[in-house]
PDB file of N, CA and C in Angstrom:
ATOM      1  N   LYS A   1      16.797  31.128-204.584  1.00  0.00           N
ATOM      2  CA  LYS A   1      17.359  31.003-203.236  1.00  0.00           C
ATOM      3  C   LYS A   1      18.736  31.672-203.161  1.00  0.00           C
ATOM      4  N   PHE A   2      19.592  31.385-204.147  1.00  0.00           N
ATOM      5  CA  PHE A   2      20.952  31.930-204.150  1.00  0.00           C
ATOM      6  C   PHE A   2      20.933  33.460-204.163  1.00  0.00           C
ATOM      7  N   LEU A   3      20.105  34.046-205.032  1.00  0.00           N
ATOM      8  CA  LEU A   3      20.034  35.508-205.111  1.00  0.00           C
ATOM      9  C   LEU A   3      19.467  36.106-203.826  1.00  0.00           C
ATOM     10  N   ASN A   4      18.522  35.424-203.222  1.00  0.00           N
ATOM     11  CA  ASN A   4      17.985  35.898-201.939  1.00  0.00           C
ATOM     12  C   ASN A   4      19.048  35.863-200.850  1.00  0.00           C
ATOM     13  N   ASP A   5      19.876  34.829-200.883  1.00  0.00           N
ATOM     14  CA  ASP A   5      20.970  34.733-199.908  1.00  0.00           C
ATOM     15  C   ASP A   5      21.971  35.868-200.103  1.00  0.00           C
ATOM     16  N   LEU A   6      22.299  36.189-201.355  1.00  0.00           N
ATOM     17  CA  LEU A   6      23.227  37.297-201.625  1.00  0.00           C
ATOM     18  C   LEU A   6      22.618  38.631-201.199  1.00  0.00           C
ATOM     19  N   THR A   7      21.334  38.806-201.464  1.00  0.00           N
ATOM     20  CA  THR A   7      20.653  40.035-201.050  1.00  0.00           C
ATOM     21  C   THR A   7      20.670  40.166-199.532  1.00  0.00           C
ATOM     22  N   SER A   8      20.445  39.079-198.847  1.00  0.00           N
ATOM     23  CA  SER A   8      20.491  39.076-197.380  1.00  0.00           C
ATOM     24  C   SER A   8      21.897  39.390-196.878  1.00  0.00           C
ATOM     25  N   LEU A   9      22.894  38.859-197.560  1.00  0.00           N
ATOM     26  CA  LEU A   9      24.287  39.115-197.199  1.00  0.00           C
ATOM     27  C   LEU A   9      24.613  40.600-197.321  1.00  0.00           C
ATOM     28  N   ILE A  10      24.173  41.215-198.405  1.00  0.00           N
ATOM     29  CA  ILE A  10      24.392  42.647-198.602  1.00  0.00           C
ATOM     30  C   ILE A  10      23.705  43.444-197.486  1.00  0.00           C
ATOM     31  N   SER A  11      22.519  43.046-197.121  1.00  0.00           N
ATOM     32  CA  SER A  11      21.792  43.714-196.043  1.00  0.00           C
ATOM     33  C   SER A  11      22.561  43.602-194.725  1.00  0.00           C
ATOM     34  N   ASP A  12      23.123  42.434-194.472  1.00  0.00           N
ATOM     35  CA  ASP A  12      23.931  42.250-193.260  1.00  0.00           C
ATOM     36  C   ASP A  12      25.174  43.128-193.292  1.00  0.00           C
ATOM     37  N   TRP A  13      25.799  43.226-194.472  1.00  0.00           N
ATOM     38  CA  TRP A  13      26.978  44.090-194.604  1.00  0.00           C
ATOM     39  C   TRP A  13      26.623  45.537-194.280  1.00  0.00           C
ATOM     40  N   LYS A  14      25.479  45.988-194.791  1.00  0.00           N
ATOM     41  CA  LYS A  14      25.039  47.361-194.515  1.00  0.00           C
ATOM     42  C   LYS A  14      24.891  47.592-193.013  1.00  0.00           C
ATOM     43  N   LYS A  15      24.287  46.637-192.331  1.00  0.00           N
ATOM     44  CA  LYS A  15      24.088  46.765-190.883  1.00  0.00           C
ATOM     45  C   LYS A  15      25.418  46.798-190.136  1.00  0.00           C
ATOM     46  N   LEU A  16      26.322  45.897-190.509  1.00  0.00           N
ATOM     47  CA  LEU A  16      27.617  45.839-189.837  1.00  0.00           C
ATOM     48  C   LEU A  16      28.427  47.112-190.071  1.00  0.00           C
ATOM     49  N   ILE A  17      28.466  47.562-191.296  1.00  0.00           N
ATOM     50  CA  ILE A  17      29.208  48.791-191.601  1.00  0.00           C
ATOM     51  C   ILE A  17      28.531  49.969-190.919  1.00  0.00           C
ATOM     52  N   GLY A  18      27.210  49.995-190.925  1.00  0.00           N
ATOM     53  CA  GLY A  18      26.471  51.060-190.253  1.00  0.00           C
ATOM     54  C   GLY A  18      26.742  51.110-188.760  1.00  0.00           C
ATOM     55  N   SER A  19      26.964  49.957-188.150  1.00  0.00           N
ATOM     56  CA  SER A  19      27.261  49.948-186.709  1.00  0.00           C
ATOM     57  C   SER A  19      28.600  50.624-186.421  1.00  0.00           C
ATOM     58  N   VAL A  20      29.503  50.601-187.379  1.00  0.00           N
ATOM     59  CA  VAL A  20      30.788  51.293-187.224  1.00  0.00           C
ATOM     60  C   VAL A  20      30.631  52.771-187.545  1.00  0.00           C
ATOM     61  N   THR A  21      29.963  53.071-188.657  1.00  0.00           N
ATOM     62  CA  THR A  21      29.866  54.469-189.077  1.00  0.00           C
ATOM     63  C   THR A  21      29.000  55.312-188.151  1.00  0.00           C
ATOM     64  N   LYS A  22      28.176  54.688-187.333  1.00  0.00           N
ATOM     65  CA  LYS A  22      27.338  55.431-186.391  1.00  0.00           C
ATOM     66  C   LYS A  22      28.059  55.730-185.078  1.00  0.00           C
ATOM     67  N   LEU A  23      29.230  55.152-184.898  1.00  0.00           N
ATOM     68  CA  LEU A  23      29.985  55.432-183.678  1.00  0.00           C
ATOM     69  C   LEU A  23      30.388  56.897-183.649  1.00  0.00           C
ATOM     70  N   ASP A  24      30.379  57.469-182.484  1.00  0.00           N
ATOM     71  CA  ASP A  24      30.807  58.848-182.320  1.00  0.00           C
ATOM     72  C   ASP A  24      31.491  58.984-180.973  1.00  0.00           C
ATOM     73  N   ARG A  25      32.179  60.060-180.804  1.00  0.00           N
ATOM     74  CA  ARG A  25      32.965  60.283-179.595  1.00  0.00           C
ATOM     75  C   ARG A  25      32.366  61.436-178.820  1.00  0.00           C
ATOM     76  N   ASP A  26      32.103  61.228-177.546  1.00  0.00           N
ATOM     77  CA  ASP A  26      31.629  62.286-176.662  1.00  0.00           C
ATOM     78  C   ASP A  26      32.855  62.983-176.089  1.00  0.00           C
ATOM     79  N   ILE A  27      33.101  64.198-176.558  1.00  0.00           N
ATOM     80  CA  ILE A  27      34.322  64.890-176.149  1.00  0.00           C
ATOM     81  C   ILE A  27      34.318  65.311-174.688  1.00  0.00           C
ATOM     82  N   SER A  28      33.168  65.239-174.047  1.00  0.00           N
ATOM     83  CA  SER A  28      33.119  65.633-172.639  1.00  0.00           C
ATOM     84  C   SER A  28      33.644  64.528-171.722  1.00  0.00           C
ATOM     85  N   THR A  29      33.875  63.349-172.273  1.00  0.00           N
ATOM     86  CA  THR A  29      34.421  62.252-171.468  1.00  0.00           C
ATOM     87  C   THR A  29      35.796  61.874-171.999  1.00  0.00           C
ATOM     88  N   GLY A  30      36.620  61.371-171.154  1.00  0.00           N
ATOM     89  CA  GLY A  30      37.932  60.898-171.571  1.00  0.00           C
ATOM     90  C   GLY A  30      38.964  62.004-171.653  1.00  0.00           C
ATOM     91  N   THR A  31      40.107  61.623-172.161  1.00  0.00           N
ATOM     92  CA  THR A  31      41.247  62.530-172.245  1.00  0.00           C
ATOM     93  C   THR A  31      41.544  62.866-173.702  1.00  0.00           C
ATOM     94  N   THR A  32      42.492  63.740-173.892  1.00  0.00           N
ATOM     95  CA  THR A  32      42.940  64.082-175.242  1.00  0.00           C
ATOM     96  C   THR A  32      43.495  62.849-175.933  1.00  0.00           C
ATOM     97  N   LYS A  33      44.226  62.044-175.186  1.00  0.00           N
ATOM     98  CA  LYS A  33      44.761  60.805-175.769  1.00  0.00           C
ATOM     99  C   LYS A  33      43.632  59.868-176.216  1.00  0.00           C
ATOM    100  N   ASP A  34      42.546  59.818-175.428  1.00  0.00           N
ATOM    101  CA  ASP A  34      41.390  59.005-175.816  1.00  0.00           C
ATOM    102  C   ASP A  34      40.806  59.490-177.142  1.00  0.00           C
ATOM    103  N   GLU A  35      40.731  60.803-177.273  1.00  0.00           N
ATOM    104  CA  GLU A  35      40.189  61.406-178.502  1.00  0.00           C
ATOM    105  C   GLU A  35      41.065  61.041-179.703  1.00  0.00           C
ATOM    106  N   ILE A  36      42.352  61.187-179.554  1.00  0.00           N
ATOM    107  CA  ILE A  36      43.294  60.863-180.632  1.00  0.00           C
ATOM    108  C   ILE A  36      43.183  59.388-180.981  1.00  0.00           C
ATOM    109  N   HIS A  37      43.126  58.548-179.962  1.00  0.00           N
ATOM    110  CA  HIS A  37      43.033  57.102-180.184  1.00  0.00           C
ATOM    111  C   HIS A  37      41.737  56.732-180.908  1.00  0.00           C
ATOM    112  N   PHE A  38      40.618  57.332-180.488  1.00  0.00           N
ATOM    113  CA  PHE A  38      39.331  57.021-181.106  1.00  0.00           C
ATOM    114  C   PHE A  38      39.347  57.321-182.595  1.00  0.00           C
ATOM    115  N   TRP A  39      39.749  58.538-182.970  1.00  0.00           N
ATOM    116  CA  TRP A  39      39.704  58.927-184.381  1.00  0.00           C
ATOM    117  C   TRP A  39      40.743  58.167-185.206  1.00  0.00           C
ATOM    118  N   GLY A  40      41.880  57.857-184.620  1.00  0.00           N
ATOM    119  CA  GLY A  40      42.860  57.032-185.325  1.00  0.00           C
ATOM    120  C   GLY A  40      42.337  55.626-185.564  1.00  0.00           C
ATOM    121  N   SER A  41      41.692  55.058-184.553  1.00  0.00           N
ATOM    122  CA  SER A  41      41.098  53.724-184.688  1.00  0.00           C
ATOM    123  C   SER A  41      39.984  53.715-185.727  1.00  0.00           C
ATOM    124  N   MET A  42      39.180  54.767-185.727  1.00  0.00           N
ATOM    125  CA  MET A  42      38.110  54.863-186.721  1.00  0.00           C
ATOM    126  C   MET A  42      38.687  54.882-188.131  1.00  0.00           C
ATOM    127  N   GLN A  43      39.755  55.641-188.321  1.00  0.00           N
ATOM    128  CA  GLN A  43      40.349  55.718-189.653  1.00  0.00           C
ATOM    129  C   GLN A  43      40.901  54.356-190.089  1.00  0.00           C
ATOM    130  N   ARG A  44      41.566  53.669-189.189  1.00  0.00           N
ATOM    131  CA  ARG A  44      42.107  52.341-189.527  1.00  0.00           C
ATOM    132  C   ARG A  44      40.979  51.357-189.832  1.00  0.00           C
ATOM    133  N   THR A  45      39.913  51.408-189.052  1.00  0.00           N
ATOM    134  CA  THR A  45      38.777  50.512-189.270  1.00  0.00           C
ATOM    135  C   THR A  45      38.102  50.798-190.605  1.00  0.00           C
ATOM    136  N   LEU A  46      37.884  52.064-190.922  1.00  0.00           N
ATOM    137  CA  LEU A  46      37.248  52.414-192.188  1.00  0.00           C
ATOM    138  C   LEU A  46      38.135  52.046-193.379  1.00  0.00           C
ATOM    139  N   THR A  47      39.424  52.163-193.202  1.00  0.00           N
ATOM    140  CA  THR A  47      40.357  51.755-194.267  1.00  0.00           C
ATOM    141  C   THR A  47      40.244  50.259-194.518  1.00  0.00           C
ATOM    142  N   LYS A  48      40.162  49.476-193.442  1.00  0.00           N
ATOM    143  CA  LYS A  48      40.001  48.019-193.592  1.00  0.00           C
ATOM    144  C   LYS A  48      38.682  47.686-194.280  1.00  0.00           C
ATOM    145  N   ILE A  49      37.626  48.394-193.911  1.00  0.00           N
ATOM    146  CA  ILE A  49      36.322  48.166-194.538  1.00  0.00           C
ATOM    147  C   ILE A  49      36.397  48.514-196.028  1.00  0.00           C
ATOM    148  N   ARG A  50      37.026  49.641-196.345  1.00  0.00           N
ATOM    149  CA  ARG A  50      37.142  50.045-197.751  1.00  0.00           C
ATOM    150  C   ARG A  50      37.886  48.994-198.559  1.00  0.00           C
ATOM    151  N   TYR A  51      38.982  48.457-198.018  1.00  0.00           N
ATOM    152  CA  TYR A  51      39.722  47.398-198.719  1.00  0.00           C
ATOM    153  C   TYR A  51      38.849  46.161-198.925  1.00  0.00           C
ATOM    154  N   GLN A  52      38.051  45.831-197.937  1.00  0.00           N
ATOM    155  CA  GLN A  52      37.165  44.678-198.077  1.00  0.00           C
ATOM    156  C   GLN A  52      36.098  44.934-199.138  1.00  0.00           C
ATOM    157  N   LEU A  53      35.556  46.151-199.167  1.00  0.00           N
ATOM    158  CA  LEU A  53      34.542  46.477-200.171  1.00  0.00           C
ATOM    159  C   LEU A  53      35.120  46.494-201.581  1.00  0.00           C
ATOM    160  N   ASP A  54      36.408  46.779-201.695  1.00  0.00           N
ATOM    161  CA  ASP A  54      37.070  46.800-202.998  1.00  0.00           C
ATOM    162  C   ASP A  54      37.560  45.423-203.424  1.00  0.00           C
ATOM    163  N   ASP A  55      37.359  44.415-202.575  1.00  0.00           N
ATOM    164  CA  ASP A  55      37.793  43.055-202.863  1.00  0.00           C
ATOM    165  C   ASP A  55      37.026  42.488-204.063  1.00  0.00           C
ATOM    166  N   THR A  56      37.684  41.651-204.823  1.00  0.00           N
ATOM    167  CA  THR A  56      37.091  41.041-206.015  1.00  0.00           C
ATOM    168  C   THR A  56      35.812  40.274-205.681  1.00  0.00           C
ATOM    169  N   GLY A  57      35.814  39.536-204.584  1.00  0.00           N
ATOM    170  CA  GLY A  57      34.635  38.754-204.205  1.00  0.00           C
ATOM    171  C   GLY A  57      33.434  39.630-203.905  1.00  0.00           C
ATOM    172  N   VAL A  58      33.659  40.744-203.243  1.00  0.00           N
ATOM    173  CA  VAL A  58      32.569  41.663-202.926  1.00  0.00           C
ATOM    174  C   VAL A  58      32.047  42.298-204.211  1.00  0.00           C
ATOM    175  N   LYS A  59      32.957  42.730-205.062  1.00  0.00           N
ATOM    176  CA  LYS A  59      32.542  43.322-206.341  1.00  0.00           C
ATOM    177  C   LYS A  59      31.767  42.308-207.176  1.00  0.00           C
ATOM    178  N   PHE A  60      32.218  41.063-207.159  1.00  0.00           N
ATOM    179  CA  PHE A  60      31.534  40.013-207.899  1.00  0.00           C
ATOM    180  C   PHE A  60      30.113  39.805-207.376  1.00  0.00           C
ATOM    181  N   THR A  61      29.959  39.868-206.063  1.00  0.00           N
ATOM    182  CA  THR A  61      28.630  39.747-205.450  1.00  0.00           C
ATOM    183  C   THR A  61      27.710  40.858-205.953  1.00  0.00           C
ATOM    184  N   PHE A  62      28.219  42.083-205.981  1.00  0.00           N
ATOM    185  CA  PHE A  62      27.435  43.198-206.490  1.00  0.00           C
ATOM    186  C   PHE A  62      27.106  43.002-207.976  1.00  0.00           C
ATOM    187  N   ASP A  63      28.074  42.530-208.740  1.00  0.00           N
ATOM    188  CA  ASP A  63      27.855  42.291-210.170  1.00  0.00           C
ATOM    189  C   ASP A  63      26.761  41.253-210.412  1.00  0.00           C
ATOM    190  N   ILE A  64      26.780  40.187-209.630  1.00  0.00           N
ATOM    191  CA  ILE A  64      25.749  39.147-209.766  1.00  0.00           C
ATOM    192  C   ILE A  64      24.368  39.725-209.487  1.00  0.00           C
ATOM    193  N   LEU A  65      24.264  40.478-208.403  1.00  0.00           N
ATOM    194  CA  LEU A  65      22.960  41.057-208.047  1.00  0.00           C
ATOM    195  C   LEU A  65      22.498  42.073-209.092  1.00  0.00           C
ATOM    196  N   ASN A  66      23.411  42.905-209.582  1.00  0.00           N
ATOM    197  CA  ASN A  66      23.037  43.879-210.607  1.00  0.00           C
ATOM    198  C   ASN A  66      22.623  43.193-211.905  1.00  0.00           C
ATOM    199  N   ALA A  67      23.347  42.143-212.297  1.00  0.00           N
ATOM    200  CA  ALA A  67      23.015  41.414-213.523  1.00  0.00           C
ATOM    201  C   ALA A  67      21.642  40.760-213.440  1.00  0.00           C
ATOM    202  N   ASN A  68      21.211  40.466-212.224  1.00  0.00           N
ATOM    203  CA  ASN A  68      19.902  39.851-212.013  1.00  0.00           C
ATOM    204  C   ASN A  68      18.861  40.859-211.529  1.00  0.00           C
ATOM    205  N   GLN A  69      19.157  42.120-211.755  1.00  0.00           N
ATOM    206  CA  GLN A  69      18.248  43.235-211.467  1.00  0.00           C
ATOM    207  C   GLN A  69      17.815  43.314-210.008  1.00  0.00           C
ATOM    208  N   ARG A  70      18.728  43.025-209.132  1.00  0.00           N
ATOM    209  CA  ARG A  70      18.487  43.195-207.682  1.00  0.00           C
ATOM    210  C   ARG A  70      19.087  44.533-207.244  1.00  0.00           C
ATOM    211  N   PHE A  71      18.625  45.596-207.882  1.00  0.00           N
ATOM    212  CA  PHE A  71      19.217  46.917-207.688  1.00  0.00           C
ATOM    213  C   PHE A  71      18.961  47.500-206.301  1.00  0.00           C
ATOM    214  N   MET A  72      17.876  47.114-205.669  1.00  0.00           N
ATOM    215  CA  MET A  72      17.564  47.652-204.342  1.00  0.00           C
ATOM    216  C   MET A  72      18.658  47.287-203.331  1.00  0.00           C
ATOM    217  N   ALA A  73      19.289  46.167-203.519  1.00  0.00           N
ATOM    218  CA  ALA A  73      20.327  45.727-202.587  1.00  0.00           C
ATOM    219  C   ALA A  73      21.649  46.451-202.820  1.00  0.00           C
ATOM    220  N   THR A  74      21.893  46.865-204.051  1.00  0.00           N
ATOM    221  CA  THR A  74      23.220  47.382-204.397  1.00  0.00           C
ATOM    222  C   THR A  74      23.284  48.885-204.600  1.00  0.00           C
ATOM    223  N   THR A  75      22.180  49.496-205.010  1.00  0.00           N
ATOM    224  CA  THR A  75      22.186  50.921-205.313  1.00  0.00           C
ATOM    225  C   THR A  75      22.487  51.730-204.060  1.00  0.00           C
ATOM    226  N   ASP A  76      23.408  52.637-204.189  1.00  0.00           N
ATOM    227  CA  ASP A  76      23.789  53.539-203.092  1.00  0.00           C
ATOM    228  C   ASP A  76      24.201  52.803-201.826  1.00  0.00           C
ATOM    229  N   PHE A  77      24.846  51.673-201.983  1.00  0.00           N
ATOM    230  CA  PHE A  77      25.252  50.857-200.834  1.00  0.00           C
ATOM    231  C   PHE A  77      26.057  51.667-199.827  1.00  0.00           C
ATOM    232  N   ARG A  78      27.104  52.351-200.305  1.00  0.00           N
ATOM    233  CA  ARG A  78      27.974  53.094-199.384  1.00  0.00           C
ATOM    234  C   ARG A  78      27.246  54.256-198.718  1.00  0.00           C
ATOM    235  N   ASP A  79      26.323  54.878-199.438  1.00  0.00           N
ATOM    236  CA  ASP A  79      25.569  55.981-198.844  1.00  0.00           C
ATOM    237  C   ASP A  79      24.586  55.483-197.788  1.00  0.00           C
ATOM    238  N   GLU A  80      23.959  54.349-198.062  1.00  0.00           N
ATOM    239  CA  GLU A  80      22.980  53.813-197.114  1.00  0.00           C
ATOM    240  C   GLU A  80      23.618  53.420-195.790  1.00  0.00           C
ATOM    241  N   CYS A  81      24.840  52.941-195.838  1.00  0.00           N
ATOM    242  CA  CYS A  81      25.503  52.587-194.574  1.00  0.00           C
ATOM    243  C   CYS A  81      26.360  53.745-194.067  1.00  0.00           C
ATOM    244  N   ASN A  82      26.208  54.923-194.708  1.00  0.00           N
ATOM    245  CA  ASN A  82      26.854  56.155-194.256  1.00  0.00           C
ATOM    246  C   ASN A  82      28.382  56.087-194.332  1.00  0.00           C
ATOM    247  N   PHE A  83      28.898  55.231-195.196  1.00  0.00           N
ATOM    248  CA  PHE A  83      30.341  54.995-195.245  1.00  0.00           C
ATOM    249  C   PHE A  83      31.103  56.221-195.725  1.00  0.00           C
ATOM    250  N   ASN A  84      30.710  56.781-196.858  1.00  0.00           N
ATOM    251  CA  ASN A  84      31.464  57.892-197.447  1.00  0.00           C
ATOM    252  C   ASN A  84      31.488  59.120-196.549  1.00  0.00           C
ATOM    253  N   SER A  85      30.340  59.493-195.992  1.00  0.00           N
ATOM    254  CA  SER A  85      30.310  60.686-195.142  1.00  0.00           C
ATOM    255  C   SER A  85      31.087  60.465-193.845  1.00  0.00           C
ATOM    256  N   CYS A  86      31.030  59.268-193.312  1.00  0.00           N
ATOM    257  CA  CYS A  86      31.793  58.959-192.100  1.00  0.00           C
ATOM    258  C   CYS A  86      33.290  59.021-192.388  1.00  0.00           C
ATOM    259  N   GLN A  87      33.689  58.478-193.522  1.00  0.00           N
ATOM    260  CA  GLN A  87      35.101  58.490-193.892  1.00  0.00           C
ATOM    261  C   GLN A  87      35.610  59.932-194.038  1.00  0.00           C
ATOM    262  N   GLU A  88      34.805  60.794-194.642  1.00  0.00           N
ATOM    263  CA  GLU A  88      35.183  62.205-194.782  1.00  0.00           C
ATOM    264  C   GLU A  88      35.307  62.874-193.416  1.00  0.00           C
ATOM    265  N   LYS A  89      34.345  62.614-192.547  1.00  0.00           N
ATOM    266  CA  LYS A  89      34.358  63.197-191.198  1.00  0.00           C
ATOM    267  C   LYS A  89      35.605  62.773-190.441  1.00  0.00           C
ATOM    268  N   VAL A  90      35.930  61.491-190.491  1.00  0.00           N
ATOM    269  CA  VAL A  90      37.094  60.962-189.775  1.00  0.00           C
ATOM    270  C   VAL A  90      38.383  61.568-190.334  1.00  0.00           C
ATOM    271  N   MET A  91      38.440  61.726-191.635  1.00  0.00           N
ATOM    272  CA  MET A  91      39.630  62.332-192.243  1.00  0.00           C
ATOM    273  C   MET A  91      39.815  63.767-191.763  1.00  0.00           C
ATOM    274  N   VAL A  92      38.711  64.524-191.651  1.00  0.00           N
ATOM    275  CA  VAL A  92      38.780  65.905-191.182  1.00  0.00           C
ATOM    276  C   VAL A  92      39.271  65.949-189.733  1.00  0.00           C
ATOM    277  N   TYR A  93      38.703  65.113-188.879  1.00  0.00           N
ATOM    278  CA  TYR A  93      39.132  65.079-187.479  1.00  0.00           C
ATOM    279  C   TYR A  93      40.604  64.712-187.359  1.00  0.00           C
ATOM    280  N   ASN A  94      41.041  63.694-188.081  1.00  0.00           N
ATOM    281  CA  ASN A  94      42.435  63.278-187.981  1.00  0.00           C
ATOM    282  C   ASN A  94      43.384  64.330-188.533  1.00  0.00           C
ATOM    283  N   LYS A  95      42.980  65.027-189.577  1.00  0.00           N
ATOM    284  CA  LYS A  95      43.815  66.108-190.112  1.00  0.00           C
ATOM    285  C   LYS A  95      43.966  67.210-189.066  1.00  0.00           C
ATOM    286  N   LEU A  96      42.848  67.566-188.445  1.00  0.00           N
ATOM    287  CA  LEU A  96      42.881  68.588-187.399  1.00  0.00           C
ATOM    288  C   LEU A  96      43.774  68.153-186.236  1.00  0.00           C
ATOM    289  N   LEU A  97      43.619  66.921-185.806  1.00  0.00           N
ATOM    290  CA  LEU A  97      44.405  66.428-184.669  1.00  0.00           C
ATOM    291  C   LEU A  97      45.899  66.365-185.003  1.00  0.00           C
ATOM    292  N   ARG A  98      46.233  66.069-186.255  1.00  0.00           N
ATOM    293  CA  ARG A  98      47.653  66.037-186.655  1.00  0.00           C
ATOM    294  C   ARG A  98      48.246  67.437-186.704  1.00  0.00           C
ATOM    295  N   GLU A  99      47.443  68.422-187.124  1.00  0.00           N
ATOM    296  CA  GLU A  99      47.945  69.787-187.291  1.00  0.00           C
ATOM    297  C   GLU A  99      47.971  70.567-185.981  1.00  0.00           C
ATOM    298  N   PHE A 100      47.168  70.172-185.037  1.00  0.00           N
ATOM    299  CA  PHE A 100      47.085  70.865-183.759  1.00  0.00           C
ATOM    300  C   PHE A 100      48.250  70.415-182.877  1.00  0.00           C
ATOM    301  N   PRO A 101      48.908  71.331-182.171  1.00  0.00           N
ATOM    302  CA  PRO A 101      50.068  70.944-181.341  1.00  0.00           C
ATOM    303  C   PRO A 101      49.643  70.218-180.059  1.00  0.00           C
ATOM    304  N   ILE A 102      49.022  69.082-180.233  1.00  0.00           N
ATOM    305  CA  ILE A 102      48.458  68.344-179.100  1.00  0.00           C
ATOM    306  C   ILE A 102      49.546  67.809-178.180  1.00  0.00           C
ATOM    307  N   GLN A 103      50.626  67.360-178.758  1.00  0.00           N
ATOM    308  CA  GLN A 103      51.694  66.772-177.927  1.00  0.00           C
ATOM    309  C   GLN A 103      52.176  67.771-176.880  1.00  0.00           C
ATOM    310  N   ASN A 104      52.218  69.060-177.223  1.00  0.00           N
ATOM    311  CA  ASN A 104      52.604  70.077-176.244  1.00  0.00           C
ATOM    312  C   ASN A 104      51.593  70.186-175.113  1.00  0.00           C
ATOM    313  N   LEU A 105      50.322  69.968-175.417  1.00  0.00           N
ATOM    314  CA  LEU A 105      49.289  70.034-174.387  1.00  0.00           C
ATOM    315  C   LEU A 105      49.311  68.804-173.487  1.00  0.00           C
ATOM    316  N   ILE A 106      49.665  67.669-174.066  1.00  0.00           N
ATOM    317  CA  ILE A 106      49.687  66.418-173.295  1.00  0.00           C
ATOM    318  C   ILE A 106      50.867  66.397-172.337  1.00  0.00           C
ATOM    319  N   ASP A 107      52.009  66.893-172.778  1.00  0.00           N
ATOM    320  CA  ASP A 107      53.234  66.848-171.958  1.00  0.00           C
ATOM    321  C   ASP A 107      53.185  67.733-170.755  1.00  0.00           C
TER     322      ASP A 107
END
């Protein structure tokens, strides 16, 4: 029962993280400020998620499942919820937005 509960918890985490990583911005709507705000918020949210995933309790949960050969729940966790690729995408957008002279366009 306990291992099934942990496996279910991991599945829920994947869904929750996936709901964030699937978010995207339609550039045809909103303003430049909206665009900047969206990508900045995404970066802050992904940073918070990364800190939570690096937490001792989360790592311990993965260790318990791996020790009990529940590899389907833990293998490629970050890839399955698209975390790493989303984080890279957000970093690229934010780098571009920081380097582009947007403030001159807004003023």
